[in-house]
Amino acid sequence: MGSASKFFIGRLRGCGYAFKGALLLIKTEPSIQVQLGIAILMTILGFYFNITTVEWILQIFAIGLVMSIEGLNTTIEAIADFIHPDFHNKIGVIKDIAAGAVFIAAITAIIIGLLIYIPYFF
């Protein structure tokens, strides 16, 4: 097997692991499930209002940003709990900072959503 074939097979395998991880997040994490529900609702609104291509790009980016950072937050929390299962101030700070990153992404997504949809409602 040539190096190009090994490279391609390795990338396919990596995509499989990534897909498995995304499904695991959706199946097991309530915060991702809520975000997915919001994403579906916003997608339905996008079709209903026939938003522009640029608005779709911004909306998809916002959804991807929030869900990605939510996944990273979940990972950071799991690693922190694995390393130190009992309460620890530094672990608490790490978890708070990770949650803060999700908060920033969510506020950004809300602002993008308002900028897109307020003109359609008024």
C-alpha atoms as a PDB file:
ATOM      1  CA  MET A   1       0.000   0.000   0.000  1.00  0.00           C
ATOM      2  CA  GLY A   2       1.450   3.353  -1.030  1.00  0.00           C
ATOM      3  CA  SER A   3       1.872   6.343   1.250  1.00  0.00           C
ATOM      4  CA  ALA A   4      -0.994   8.185  -0.483  1.00  0.00           C
ATOM      5  CA  SER A   5      -3.320   5.242   0.197  1.00  0.00           C
ATOM      6  CA  LYS A   6      -2.255   5.088   3.850  1.00  0.00           C
ATOM      7  CA  PHE A   7      -2.789   8.828   4.170  1.00  0.00           C
ATOM      8  CA  PHE A   8      -6.281   8.607   2.648  1.00  0.00           C
ATOM      9  CA  ILE A   9      -7.276   5.613   4.796  1.00  0.00           C
ATOM     10  CA  GLY A  10      -5.976   7.408   7.886  1.00  0.00           C
ATOM     11  CA  ARG A  11      -8.084  10.474   7.090  1.00  0.00           C
ATOM     12  CA  LEU A  12     -11.186   8.332   6.540  1.00  0.00           C
ATOM     13  CA  ARG A  13     -10.602   6.575   9.839  1.00  0.00           C
ATOM     14  CA  GLY A  14     -10.181   9.959  11.527  1.00  0.00           C
ATOM     15  CA  CYS A  15     -13.476  11.168  10.050  1.00  0.00           C
ATOM     16  CA  GLY A  16     -15.134   8.047  11.421  1.00  0.00           C
ATOM     17  CA  TYR A  17     -13.827   8.785  14.927  1.00  0.00           C
ATOM     18  CA  ALA A  18     -14.980  12.396  14.641  1.00  0.00           C
ATOM     19  CA  PHE A  19     -18.458  11.338  13.492  1.00  0.00           C
ATOM     20  CA  LYS A  20     -18.641   8.831  16.363  1.00  0.00           C
ATOM     21  CA  GLY A  21     -17.684  11.597  18.806  1.00  0.00           C
ATOM     22  CA  ALA A  22     -20.316  13.969  17.417  1.00  0.00           C
ATOM     23  CA  LEU A  23     -23.009  11.288  17.757  1.00  0.00           C
ATOM     24  CA  LEU A  24     -21.851  10.528  21.302  1.00  0.00           C
ATOM     25  CA  LEU A  25     -22.168  14.210  22.191  1.00  0.00           C
ATOM     26  CA  ILE A  26     -25.670  14.418  20.731  1.00  0.00           C
ATOM     27  CA  LYS A  27     -26.823  11.196  22.425  1.00  0.00           C
ATOM     28  CA  THR A  28     -25.372  11.825  25.889  1.00  0.00           C
ATOM     29  CA  GLU A  29     -25.047  15.564  26.545  1.00  0.00           C
ATOM     30  CA  PRO A  30     -28.174  17.555  27.455  1.00  0.00           C
ATOM     31  CA  SER A  31     -26.480  20.881  26.669  1.00  0.00           C
ATOM     32  CA  ILE A  32     -25.693  19.732  23.109  1.00  0.00           C
ATOM     33  CA  GLN A  33     -29.243  18.404  22.753  1.00  0.00           C
ATOM     34  CA  VAL A  34     -30.615  21.842  23.688  1.00  0.00           C
ATOM     35  CA  GLN A  35     -28.235  23.515  21.231  1.00  0.00           C
ATOM     36  CA  LEU A  36     -29.254  21.045  18.514  1.00  0.00           C
ATOM     37  CA  GLY A  37     -32.917  21.840  19.149  1.00  0.00           C
ATOM     38  CA  ILE A  38     -32.191  25.563  18.829  1.00  0.00           C
ATOM     39  CA  ALA A  39     -30.186  24.886  15.643  1.00  0.00           C
ATOM     40  CA  ILE A  40     -33.119  22.982  14.124  1.00  0.00           C
ATOM     41  CA  LEU A  41     -35.538  25.777  15.074  1.00  0.00           C
ATOM     42  CA  MET A  42     -33.261  28.422  13.549  1.00  0.00           C
ATOM     43  CA  THR A  43     -32.888  26.345  10.392  1.00  0.00           C
ATOM     44  CA  ILE A  44     -36.672  26.087  10.073  1.00  0.00           C
ATOM     45  CA  LEU A  45     -36.929  29.868  10.559  1.00  0.00           C
ATOM     46  CA  GLY A  46     -34.278  30.361   7.890  1.00  0.00           C
ATOM     47  CA  PHE A  47     -36.326  28.404   5.375  1.00  0.00           C
ATOM     48  CA  TYR A  48     -39.572  30.074   6.468  1.00  0.00           C
ATOM     49  CA  PHE A  49     -38.185  33.593   6.008  1.00  0.00           C
ATOM     50  CA  ASN A  50     -36.082  32.625   2.983  1.00  0.00           C
ATOM     51  CA  ILE A  51     -32.987  34.293   4.424  1.00  0.00           C
ATOM     52  CA  THR A  52     -30.164  35.332   2.110  1.00  0.00           C
ATOM     53  CA  THR A  53     -27.039  33.320   1.379  1.00  0.00           C
ATOM     54  CA  VAL A  54     -24.952  35.621   3.581  1.00  0.00           C
ATOM     55  CA  GLU A  55     -27.480  35.242   6.403  1.00  0.00           C
ATOM     56  CA  TRP A  56     -27.320  31.448   6.005  1.00  0.00           C
ATOM     57  CA  ILE A  57     -23.526  31.582   6.203  1.00  0.00           C
ATOM     58  CA  LEU A  58     -23.649  33.662   9.380  1.00  0.00           C
ATOM     59  CA  GLN A  59     -26.325  31.451  10.926  1.00  0.00           C
ATOM     60  CA  ILE A  60     -24.508  28.208  10.119  1.00  0.00           C
ATOM     61  CA  PHE A  61     -21.262  29.667  11.444  1.00  0.00           C
ATOM     62  CA  ALA A  62     -22.972  30.724  14.687  1.00  0.00           C
ATOM     63  CA  ILE A  63     -24.561  27.287  15.150  1.00  0.00           C
ATOM     64  CA  GLY A  64     -21.269  25.529  14.461  1.00  0.00           C
ATOM     65  CA  LEU A  65     -19.378  27.860  16.798  1.00  0.00           C
ATOM     66  CA  VAL A  66     -21.722  27.295  19.738  1.00  0.00           C
ATOM     67  CA  MET A  67     -21.977  23.531  19.266  1.00  0.00           C
ATOM     68  CA  SER A  68     -18.223  23.131  18.790  1.00  0.00           C
ATOM     69  CA  ILE A  69     -17.338  25.132  21.876  1.00  0.00           C
ATOM     70  CA  GLU A  70     -20.045  23.311  23.839  1.00  0.00           C
ATOM     71  CA  GLY A  71     -18.352  20.049  22.826  1.00  0.00           C
ATOM     72  CA  LEU A  72     -14.963  21.369  23.938  1.00  0.00           C
ATOM     73  CA  ASN A  73     -16.490  22.501  27.234  1.00  0.00           C
ATOM     74  CA  THR A  74     -17.898  19.017  27.776  1.00  0.00           C
ATOM     75  CA  THR A  75     -14.476  17.532  27.065  1.00  0.00           C
ATOM     76  CA  ILE A  76     -12.687  19.916  29.437  1.00  0.00           C
ATOM     77  CA  GLU A  77     -15.181  19.116  32.190  1.00  0.00           C
ATOM     78  CA  ALA A  78     -14.772  15.359  31.650  1.00  0.00           C
ATOM     79  CA  ILE A  79     -10.972  15.585  31.744  1.00  0.00           C
ATOM     80  CA  ALA A  80     -11.081  17.792  34.859  1.00  0.00           C
ATOM     81  CA  ASP A  81     -13.429  15.352  36.625  1.00  0.00           C
ATOM     82  CA  PHE A  82     -11.222  12.423  35.610  1.00  0.00           C
ATOM     83  CA  ILE A  83      -8.064  14.089  36.906  1.00  0.00           C
ATOM     84  CA  HIS A  84      -9.618  15.358  40.131  1.00  0.00           C
ATOM     85  CA  PRO A  85     -13.055  13.838  40.907  1.00  0.00           C
ATOM     86  CA  ASP A  86     -13.399  15.703  44.213  1.00  0.00           C
ATOM     87  CA  PHE A  87     -14.037  19.422  44.457  1.00  0.00           C
ATOM     88  CA  HIS A  88     -10.951  21.530  43.887  1.00  0.00           C
ATOM     89  CA  ASN A  89     -10.785  25.317  43.496  1.00  0.00           C
ATOM     90  CA  LYS A  90      -8.477  25.230  40.460  1.00  0.00           C
ATOM     91  CA  ILE A  91     -10.642  22.609  38.723  1.00  0.00           C
ATOM     92  CA  GLY A  92     -13.650  24.819  39.439  1.00  0.00           C
ATOM     93  CA  VAL A  93     -11.910  27.798  37.833  1.00  0.00           C
ATOM     94  CA  ILE A  94     -11.004  25.705  34.769  1.00  0.00           C
ATOM     95  CA  LYS A  95     -14.617  24.569  34.395  1.00  0.00           C
ATOM     96  CA  ASP A  96     -15.915  28.122  34.861  1.00  0.00           C
ATOM     97  CA  ILE A  97     -13.589  29.444  32.150  1.00  0.00           C
ATOM     98  CA  ALA A  98     -14.686  26.691  29.736  1.00  0.00           C
ATOM     99  CA  ALA A  99     -18.338  27.490  30.492  1.00  0.00           C
ATOM    100  CA  GLY A 100     -17.543  31.171  29.965  1.00  0.00           C
ATOM    101  CA  ALA A 101     -16.288  30.374  26.463  1.00  0.00           C
ATOM    102  CA  VAL A 102     -19.637  28.731  25.678  1.00  0.00           C
ATOM    103  CA  PHE A 103     -21.423  31.767  27.094  1.00  0.00           C
ATOM    104  CA  ILE A 104     -19.455  34.124  24.838  1.00  0.00           C
ATOM    105  CA  ALA A 105     -20.192  31.965  21.784  1.00  0.00           C
ATOM    106  CA  ALA A 106     -23.897  31.766  22.708  1.00  0.00           C
ATOM    107  CA  ILE A 107     -24.188  35.542  23.167  1.00  0.00           C
ATOM    108  CA  THR A 108     -22.462  36.005  19.804  1.00  0.00           C
ATOM    109  CA  ALA A 109     -24.937  33.582  18.187  1.00  0.00           C
ATOM    110  CA  ILE A 110     -27.890  35.382  19.778  1.00  0.00           C
ATOM    111  CA  ILE A 111     -26.669  38.725  18.430  1.00  0.00           C
ATOM    112  CA  ILE A 112     -26.218  37.218  14.956  1.00  0.00           C
ATOM    113  CA  GLY A 113     -29.715  35.723  15.156  1.00  0.00           C
ATOM    114  CA  LEU A 114     -31.223  39.036  16.207  1.00  0.00           C
ATOM    115  CA  LEU A 115     -29.440  40.892  13.418  1.00  0.00           C
ATOM    116  CA  ILE A 116     -30.741  38.368  10.893  1.00  0.00           C
ATOM    117  CA  TYR A 117     -34.326  37.952  12.099  1.00  0.00           C
ATOM    118  CA  ILE A 118     -35.429  41.282  13.588  1.00  0.00           C
ATOM    119  CA  PRO A 119     -35.881  42.813  10.099  1.00  0.00           C
ATOM    120  CA  TYR A 120     -38.070  39.840   9.074  1.00  0.00           C
ATOM    121  CA  PHE A 121     -40.345  40.285  12.093  1.00  0.00           C
ATOM    122  CA  PHE A 122     -40.713  44.064  11.806  1.00  0.00           C
END
